[in-house]
Amino acid sequence: MKKITLLLAAAMLALAPAAAKGLKGKVIYVNPGHGGWTINDRPHATMNYQEMDTMSFFESKTCLWKGLELRDRLQAAGAKVIMSRTRNGWVAEGDKNATVNDRFETYADENGQQQLIDLFKIASQVDSINPDYFIALHSNATGGGDGKKVNYLLYMYRGETGNDYAKGSIDRATVAYPYMWNNPLTVWTSSSMEDRYIAGDLSWMGGTPPGKPNALGYTGWLAVLKHRVPSFLVEGSFHSYQPERQRLMNRDYCRMEGIRHFRGINAWFKGKPEKHGYIAGTLKSADERVDDPCFNYVDGSDDQWKPLNGAVVYLLNERNVRIRHYKVDNEWNGFFGFFYLKPGKYSLIYDAPGYESIIEKVEVKKNETTYCKPRLHRTKIDIK
């Protein structure tokens, strides 16, 4: 179990603007990266599906899952949320890579929701609305190719490292970073609380293209950040790190990332903490390792252990009554999660055919996630 310490949280809150008194009435613009089913939307094969299968990994799909959860939490806290899109399968008009599963973007669909993909259109809208906060949600990939053992957290703002062109971007990213980094279910290979990757896009991307102004007159590298609003693009993890990609295939895992983004934004505006808590974990074998070309893991890490597909996790209250259960998917991640829990003491029963069942006692605290990483031993079978 790992949680942000109260001292760390207090330090981050100190950076928040003194006048901020919560999210009520604040305008937050959420941009889930990409949007369609094209090769531009970062498709990858997984252990179960081929590349370009819409059931497989698409960054556009997972970014939307994160964004929808973030939207729901922000709205529940009283914020007005504008999303560039609320559906997947949309592309910019004229996209030569459009597939039969794609539709062209629109400012308003039949439900009155926009589906914007074109980065300049998004930046123009943000500059016109001038919201209180802008966040672009992404996952990253190493330039060295798929399956590399690289996985870190990265925040990029418009400008040079140490010099945000939209003032306030660095401070916002600095407050948000520890909430996002606090994810014990992944394997970070570089970034840490001491060595944070919070950088200007021009510095990080090498200045190519060389910060040419867009039609609005804003200079930067990332087109979606070329506006006046303090903002950042966050690479929440690396989907080219294959075990992380398998985790991202679970919508509830992505929802947990959306919650961590919410905590960072809520801390910036000094909002009230959530009254409920969460449990998140990964259930794996204690005896078996993964051997698959689509699962290149960091040697010696938790990712070496075989996720237990189809296992069931039962949640018991303090009176040992089963109140919920979670069936682990078959996407080789072992993830399970329980949302909106009253603070208190609980028990978890881990049940997987062919493995010893165990019980773990946990405590849920408000505005926190309790992380669990149980490992089950195979049941010994005597062969006569």
Protein backbone atom coordinates (compact mmCIF):
# COMPACT_ATOMS: atom_id res chain seq x y z
CA MET A 1 0.00 0.00 0.00
CA LYS A 2 1.36 3.41 -0.99
CA LYS A 3 -0.28 6.78 -0.54
CA ILE A 4 0.73 10.41 -0.87
CA THR A 5 1.84 11.68 2.52
CA LEU A 6 0.02 14.52 4.20
CA LEU A 7 3.19 16.61 4.24
CA LEU A 8 3.65 16.18 0.50
CA ALA A 9 0.03 17.04 -0.19
CA ALA A 10 0.32 20.12 2.00
CA ALA A 11 3.43 21.23 0.12
CA MET A 12 1.64 20.93 -3.20
CA LEU A 13 -1.40 22.79 -1.92
CA ALA A 14 0.85 25.66 -0.87
CA LEU A 15 1.58 26.31 -4.54
CA ALA A 16 -2.10 26.70 -5.36
CA PRO A 17 -3.46 30.23 -5.80
CA ALA A 18 -4.47 31.79 -2.50
CA ALA A 19 -7.79 33.06 -3.88
CA ALA A 20 -8.96 29.68 -5.10
CA LYS A 21 -11.81 28.22 -3.04
CA GLY A 22 -12.76 25.05 -4.82
CA LEU A 23 -13.95 24.03 -8.26
CA LYS A 24 -17.46 25.42 -8.12
CA GLY A 25 -17.95 27.74 -11.08
CA LYS A 26 -14.49 27.08 -12.53
CA VAL A 27 -14.24 26.31 -16.24
CA ILE A 28 -12.03 23.33 -17.08
CA TYR A 29 -11.21 22.29 -20.64
CA VAL A 30 -10.38 18.58 -21.05
CA ASN A 31 -8.75 17.35 -24.24
CA PRO A 32 -8.56 13.53 -24.57
CA GLY A 33 -5.72 13.07 -27.05
CA HIS A 34 -6.25 11.84 -30.62
CA GLY A 35 -9.75 10.68 -31.52
CA GLY A 36 -10.19 8.01 -34.15
CA TRP A 37 -9.24 4.50 -35.21
CA THR A 38 -6.50 5.52 -37.63
CA ILE A 39 -2.77 4.81 -37.63
CA ASN A 40 -2.38 8.33 -36.21
CA ASP A 41 -4.26 7.25 -33.08
CA ARG A 42 -1.42 5.03 -31.85
CA PRO A 43 -2.77 1.50 -32.43
CA HIS A 44 -0.79 -1.43 -31.04
CA ALA A 45 -1.18 -5.17 -30.87
CA THR A 46 -1.87 -6.74 -27.49
CA MET A 47 -1.66 -10.30 -26.22
CA ASN A 48 -5.23 -10.92 -27.42
CA TYR A 49 -5.68 -8.71 -30.49
CA GLN A 50 -3.91 -7.66 -33.66
CA GLU A 51 -2.94 -4.05 -34.36
CA MET A 52 -5.76 -1.94 -35.84
CA ASP A 53 -8.44 -4.17 -34.32
CA THR A 54 -10.70 -1.71 -32.47
CA MET A 55 -10.76 -4.17 -29.57
CA SER A 56 -6.99 -3.79 -29.26
CA PHE A 57 -5.04 -0.82 -27.93
CA PHE A 58 -5.68 2.66 -29.30
CA GLU A 59 -4.36 5.66 -27.41
CA SER A 60 -7.44 7.55 -28.58
CA LYS A 61 -9.69 5.06 -26.76
CA THR A 62 -7.82 5.01 -23.47
CA CYS A 63 -7.43 8.80 -23.38
CA LEU A 64 -11.19 9.13 -23.74
CA TRP A 65 -11.79 6.75 -20.82
CA LYS A 66 -9.52 8.87 -18.64
CA GLY A 67 -11.16 12.08 -19.80
CA LEU A 68 -14.73 10.96 -19.19
CA GLU A 69 -13.89 9.96 -15.62
CA LEU A 70 -12.12 13.28 -15.05
CA ARG A 71 -15.13 15.13 -16.44
CA ASP A 72 -17.54 13.33 -14.12
CA ARG A 73 -15.45 14.11 -11.04
CA LEU A 74 -15.02 17.76 -11.99
CA GLN A 75 -18.74 18.21 -12.63
CA ALA A 76 -19.59 16.56 -9.32
CA ALA A 77 -17.34 19.16 -7.65
CA GLY A 78 -19.24 22.00 -9.31
CA ALA A 79 -16.96 22.81 -12.25
CA LYS A 80 -18.12 23.52 -15.78
CA VAL A 81 -16.33 21.10 -18.09
CA ILE A 82 -15.75 21.53 -21.79
CA MET A 83 -14.43 18.48 -23.62
CA SER A 84 -12.97 18.54 -27.09
CA ARG A 85 -14.68 15.18 -27.66
CA THR A 86 -16.80 12.68 -25.77
CA ARG A 87 -16.67 9.80 -28.25
CA ASN A 88 -14.04 7.81 -30.07
CA GLY A 89 -13.87 7.27 -33.80
CA TRP A 90 -13.71 10.88 -35.00
CA VAL A 91 -11.10 12.36 -37.32
CA ALA A 92 -10.34 15.74 -38.84
CA GLU A 93 -11.99 16.33 -42.19
CA GLY A 94 -9.73 15.26 -45.02
CA ASP A 95 -7.78 12.74 -42.93
CA LYS A 96 -6.43 10.29 -45.49
CA ASN A 97 -6.09 7.62 -42.81
CA ALA A 98 -9.79 7.57 -41.93
CA THR A 99 -11.27 4.09 -41.62
CA VAL A 100 -14.78 2.73 -41.98
CA ASN A 101 -15.12 3.15 -38.21
CA ASP A 102 -14.42 6.90 -38.29
CA ARG A 103 -16.62 9.95 -38.66
CA PHE A 104 -15.54 13.52 -39.33
CA GLU A 105 -15.34 15.99 -36.46
CA THR A 106 -18.19 18.34 -35.71
CA TYR A 107 -18.77 21.28 -33.38
CA ALA A 108 -22.07 19.79 -32.27
CA ASP A 109 -23.53 16.34 -32.80
CA GLU A 110 -27.12 15.23 -32.33
CA ASN A 111 -26.68 15.49 -28.55
CA GLY A 112 -25.13 18.93 -28.68
CA GLN A 113 -21.67 17.58 -27.92
CA GLN A 114 -18.71 18.62 -30.00
CA GLN A 115 -16.19 16.15 -31.40
CA LEU A 116 -13.08 18.19 -32.18
CA ILE A 117 -9.89 16.52 -33.36
CA ASP A 118 -8.08 19.24 -35.31
CA LEU A 119 -5.48 20.67 -32.92
CA PHE A 120 -5.64 24.22 -34.23
CA LYS A 121 -9.43 24.27 -33.86
CA ILE A 122 -9.06 23.06 -30.27
CA ALA A 123 -6.41 25.68 -29.49
CA SER A 124 -8.55 28.39 -31.08
CA GLN A 125 -11.56 27.39 -29.03
CA VAL A 126 -9.53 27.31 -25.82
CA ASP A 127 -8.08 30.76 -26.52
CA SER A 128 -11.57 32.11 -27.20
CA ILE A 129 -13.17 30.59 -24.10
CA ASN A 130 -10.18 31.35 -21.83
CA PRO A 131 -10.99 28.64 -19.26
CA ASP A 132 -9.42 28.47 -15.81
CA TYR A 133 -7.50 25.27 -16.60
CA PHE A 134 -6.59 23.21 -19.66
CA ILE A 135 -5.35 19.62 -19.68
CA ALA A 136 -4.50 17.37 -22.63
CA LEU A 137 -4.48 13.65 -21.80
CA HIS A 138 -2.08 11.27 -23.53
CA SER A 139 0.14 8.24 -23.08
CA ASN A 140 3.65 8.09 -24.48
CA ALA A 141 5.80 5.85 -26.66
CA THR A 142 9.55 5.58 -26.90
CA GLY A 143 11.15 6.44 -30.19
CA GLY A 144 13.14 3.23 -29.86
CA GLY A 145 10.15 1.13 -30.85
CA ASP A 146 7.55 -1.07 -29.24
CA GLY A 147 8.33 -3.21 -26.23
CA LYS A 148 11.13 -1.07 -24.79
CA LYS A 149 11.51 -1.09 -21.03
CA VAL A 150 10.76 2.61 -20.63
CA ASN A 151 7.87 4.00 -18.60
CA TYR A 152 7.82 7.40 -16.94
CA LEU A 153 5.52 10.32 -16.22
CA LEU A 154 5.92 13.49 -18.28
CA TYR A 155 4.27 16.92 -18.09
CA MET A 156 4.89 19.35 -20.95
CA TYR A 157 3.83 22.98 -21.10
CA ARG A 158 4.24 25.56 -23.84
CA GLY A 159 7.66 27.17 -23.74
CA GLU A 160 11.14 26.36 -22.55
CA THR A 161 11.97 24.38 -19.44
CA GLY A 162 11.75 26.85 -16.56
CA ASN A 163 10.00 29.43 -18.73
CA ASP A 164 6.31 28.78 -19.35
CA TYR A 165 4.96 31.02 -22.10
CA ALA A 166 1.46 30.79 -20.57
CA LYS A 167 2.32 31.78 -17.01
CA GLY A 168 0.98 29.46 -14.36
CA SER A 169 1.51 26.29 -16.39
CA ILE A 170 4.58 25.18 -14.42
CA ASP A 171 2.83 25.73 -11.09
CA ARG A 172 -0.22 23.74 -12.20
CA ALA A 173 1.93 20.85 -13.40
CA THR A 174 3.99 20.91 -10.20
CA VAL A 175 0.87 20.57 -8.06
CA ALA A 176 -0.59 17.80 -10.25
CA TYR A 177 2.58 15.71 -10.61
CA PRO A 178 2.66 13.87 -7.23
CA TYR A 179 -0.97 12.82 -7.51
CA MET A 180 -0.30 11.23 -10.89
CA TRP A 181 3.01 9.69 -9.91
CA ASN A 182 1.37 7.96 -6.95
CA ASN A 183 0.49 4.81 -8.90
CA PRO A 184 2.14 1.73 -7.36
CA LEU A 185 0.43 -0.55 -9.88
CA THR A 186 2.73 0.52 -12.68
CA VAL A 187 6.50 0.22 -12.95
CA TRP A 188 8.21 3.61 -13.27
CA THR A 189 11.62 3.28 -14.87
CA SER A 190 12.91 6.86 -14.74
CA SER A 191 10.83 9.58 -13.13
CA SER A 192 10.47 9.93 -9.39
CA MET A 193 9.30 12.48 -6.86
CA GLU A 194 12.84 13.81 -6.73
CA ASP A 195 13.53 13.64 -10.48
CA ARG A 196 10.38 15.02 -12.05
CA TYR A 197 9.87 15.37 -15.78
CA ILE A 198 8.09 18.72 -16.02
CA ALA A 199 9.37 20.44 -19.12
CA GLY A 200 8.77 23.10 -21.73
CA ASP A 201 7.73 21.59 -25.05
CA LEU A 202 10.36 23.50 -27.02
CA SER A 203 13.14 22.23 -24.78
CA TRP A 204 11.88 18.66 -24.53
CA MET A 205 11.08 18.23 -28.21
CA GLY A 206 14.34 19.78 -29.35
CA GLY A 207 12.88 22.84 -30.99
CA THR A 208 11.86 21.03 -34.18
CA PRO A 209 9.73 22.48 -35.64
CA PRO A 210 11.38 25.64 -34.28
CA GLY A 211 8.49 27.12 -32.35
CA LYS A 212 6.83 28.68 -35.33
CA PRO A 213 3.79 30.79 -34.31
CA ASN A 214 0.37 29.47 -35.26
CA ALA A 215 -2.37 31.57 -36.85
CA LEU A 216 -3.27 32.93 -33.40
CA GLY A 217 0.28 34.19 -32.94
CA TYR A 218 1.36 31.75 -30.20
CA THR A 219 4.77 30.10 -30.28
CA GLY A 220 5.41 26.56 -29.08
CA TRP A 221 5.96 23.02 -30.28
CA LEU A 222 2.76 21.18 -29.33
CA ALA A 223 -0.07 22.56 -31.46
CA VAL A 224 -2.78 21.87 -28.89
CA LEU A 225 -1.00 24.12 -26.36
CA LYS A 226 -0.64 27.13 -28.64
CA HIS A 227 -3.07 29.38 -26.78
CA ARG A 228 -2.97 31.82 -23.85
CA VAL A 229 -4.39 29.55 -21.15
CA PRO A 230 -2.07 28.09 -18.46
CA SER A 231 -2.00 24.44 -19.43
CA PHE A 232 -0.06 21.26 -20.02
CA LEU A 233 -0.08 18.00 -21.91
CA VAL A 234 0.46 15.00 -19.66
CA GLU A 235 1.91 11.69 -20.83
CA GLY A 236 0.45 9.55 -18.04
CA SER A 237 2.59 6.51 -18.84
CA PHE A 238 4.20 4.72 -21.80
CA HIS A 239 1.91 2.50 -23.84
CA SER A 240 4.96 1.19 -25.69
CA TYR A 241 5.90 -0.49 -22.40
CA GLN A 242 3.84 -3.59 -23.06
CA PRO A 243 2.73 -4.52 -19.50
CA GLU A 244 1.45 -0.96 -19.05
CA ARG A 245 -0.41 -1.25 -22.37
CA GLN A 246 -2.19 -4.34 -21.05
CA ARG A 247 -3.20 -2.38 -17.95
CA LEU A 248 -4.51 0.47 -20.09
CA MET A 249 -6.77 -2.06 -21.81
CA ASN A 250 -8.82 -2.07 -18.61
CA ARG A 251 -11.23 0.84 -18.53
CA ASP A 252 -11.30 0.94 -14.72
CA TYR A 253 -7.51 1.27 -14.65
CA CYS A 254 -7.91 4.30 -16.92
CA ARG A 255 -10.66 5.61 -14.67
CA MET A 256 -8.23 5.50 -11.76
CA GLU A 257 -5.89 7.72 -13.76
CA GLY A 258 -8.77 10.12 -14.35
CA ILE A 259 -9.27 10.26 -10.58
CA ARG A 260 -5.60 11.10 -10.03
CA HIS A 261 -5.88 13.93 -12.57
CA PHE A 262 -8.92 15.19 -10.70
CA ARG A 263 -7.02 15.22 -7.42
CA GLY A 264 -4.30 17.36 -8.96
CA ILE A 265 -6.77 19.87 -10.37
CA ASN A 266 -8.82 19.90 -7.17
CA ALA A 267 -5.67 20.56 -5.16
CA TRP A 268 -4.78 23.51 -7.40
CA PHE A 269 -8.15 25.13 -6.68
CA LYS A 270 -8.02 24.11 -3.00
CA GLY A 271 -11.25 22.15 -3.36
CA LYS A 272 -12.85 20.02 -0.71
CA PRO A 273 -11.48 16.47 -0.53
CA GLU A 274 -13.74 13.67 -1.70
CA LYS A 275 -15.63 12.01 1.14
CA HIS A 276 -15.15 8.51 -0.24
CA GLY A 277 -12.14 6.38 -1.11
CA TYR A 278 -11.09 3.64 -3.52
CA ILE A 279 -9.33 0.31 -3.73
CA ALA A 280 -7.19 -0.62 -6.72
CA GLY A 281 -4.93 -3.58 -7.22
CA THR A 282 -3.39 -6.21 -9.47
CA LEU A 283 -3.86 -9.92 -8.81
CA LYS A 284 -1.04 -12.14 -10.06
CA SER A 285 0.60 -15.52 -9.62
CA ALA A 286 3.38 -15.84 -7.05
CA ASP A 287 4.99 -18.73 -8.95
CA GLU A 288 4.64 -18.11 -12.70
CA ARG A 289 6.23 -15.54 -14.98
CA VAL A 290 4.91 -14.20 -18.26
CA ASP A 291 6.50 -15.49 -21.44
CA ASP A 292 5.02 -13.73 -24.45
CA PRO A 293 6.51 -11.54 -27.24
CA CYS A 294 3.86 -8.89 -26.47
CA PHE A 295 4.85 -8.64 -22.81
CA ASN A 296 8.44 -7.44 -22.53
CA TYR A 297 8.78 -6.46 -18.86
CA VAL A 298 11.38 -4.80 -16.65
CA ASP A 299 13.57 -7.55 -15.21
CA GLY A 300 12.89 -8.28 -11.54
CA SER A 301 9.84 -6.00 -11.39
CA ASP A 302 6.28 -6.87 -10.38
CA ASP A 303 5.47 -7.06 -14.08
CA GLN A 304 7.28 -10.37 -14.40
CA TRP A 305 4.47 -12.22 -12.61
CA LYS A 306 1.57 -13.73 -14.52
CA PRO A 307 -1.71 -11.78 -14.19
CA LEU A 308 -4.61 -14.05 -13.20
CA ASN A 309 -7.22 -13.61 -15.91
CA GLY A 310 -10.80 -14.27 -14.88
CA ALA A 311 -10.11 -14.29 -11.14
CA VAL A 312 -12.72 -12.83 -8.79
CA VAL A 313 -12.09 -10.39 -5.96
CA TYR A 314 -14.76 -10.18 -3.26
CA LEU A 315 -15.14 -7.08 -1.10
CA LEU A 316 -16.36 -7.61 2.48
CA ASN A 317 -17.44 -4.95 4.94
CA GLU A 318 -16.37 -4.76 8.58
CA ARG A 319 -19.03 -7.36 9.48
CA ASN A 320 -17.48 -9.77 6.94
CA VAL A 321 -20.49 -9.52 4.64
CA ARG A 322 -19.76 -9.64 0.91
CA ILE A 323 -20.95 -6.36 -0.55
CA ARG A 324 -19.30 -6.28 -3.99
CA HIS A 325 -17.16 -8.33 -6.33
CA TYR A 326 -14.89 -7.60 -9.25
CA LYS A 327 -14.13 -10.06 -12.03
CA VAL A 328 -10.65 -9.59 -13.48
CA ASP A 329 -10.71 -9.26 -17.26
CA ASN A 330 -8.83 -11.48 -19.71
CA GLU A 331 -6.46 -8.76 -20.93
CA TRP A 332 -3.39 -9.90 -18.96
CA ASN A 333 -3.30 -7.09 -16.43
CA GLY A 334 -4.82 -8.61 -13.27
CA PHE A 335 -6.45 -5.29 -12.43
CA PHE A 336 -9.33 -4.94 -9.99
CA GLY A 337 -10.90 -1.84 -8.50
CA PHE A 338 -13.67 -0.67 -6.21
CA PHE A 339 -15.05 2.86 -6.43
CA TYR A 340 -16.98 5.18 -4.11
CA LEU A 341 -16.31 3.38 -0.84
CA LYS A 342 -17.15 4.75 2.59
CA PRO A 343 -14.03 5.17 4.71
CA GLY A 344 -13.51 2.23 7.00
CA LYS A 345 -12.10 -1.26 7.31
CA TYR A 346 -12.73 -3.91 4.66
CA SER A 347 -11.52 -7.36 3.67
CA LEU A 348 -10.69 -8.69 0.21
CA ILE A 349 -10.97 -12.34 -0.79
CA TYR A 350 -8.93 -13.31 -3.83
CA ASP A 351 -10.32 -16.32 -5.67
CA ALA A 352 -8.75 -17.86 -8.77
CA PRO A 353 -9.26 -21.49 -9.89
CA GLY A 354 -6.08 -23.51 -9.38
CA TYR A 355 -4.65 -21.08 -6.83
CA GLU A 356 -4.79 -20.79 -3.07
CA SER A 357 -7.41 -18.30 -1.94
CA ILE A 358 -6.29 -15.62 0.50
CA ILE A 359 -7.91 -12.86 2.52
CA GLU A 360 -6.41 -9.40 2.92
CA LYS A 361 -7.60 -6.75 5.37
CA VAL A 362 -7.47 -3.17 4.12
CA GLU A 363 -8.44 0.27 5.28
CA VAL A 364 -10.08 2.85 3.04
CA LYS A 365 -9.59 6.54 3.75
CA LYS A 366 -11.45 9.46 2.24
CA ASN A 367 -9.89 11.07 -0.83
CA GLU A 368 -7.32 8.27 -1.11
CA THR A 369 -6.77 5.08 -3.04
CA THR A 370 -5.69 1.97 -1.18
CA TYR A 371 -3.39 -0.08 -3.42
CA CYS A 372 -3.04 -3.85 -3.15
CA LYS A 373 -0.77 -6.24 -5.03
CA PRO A 374 -1.66 -9.78 -3.92
CA ARG A 375 0.20 -12.79 -5.30
CA LEU A 376 -1.39 -16.24 -5.21
CA HIS A 377 0.48 -19.55 -5.10
CA ARG A 378 -0.64 -22.39 -7.34
CA THR A 379 -2.51 -25.20 -5.58
CA LYS A 380 -0.31 -28.24 -5.19
CA ILE A 381 -1.70 -31.27 -6.99
CA ASP A 382 -0.45 -34.75 -6.16
CA ILE A 383 -0.06 -36.89 -9.25
CA LYS A 384 -0.40 -40.60 -8.49
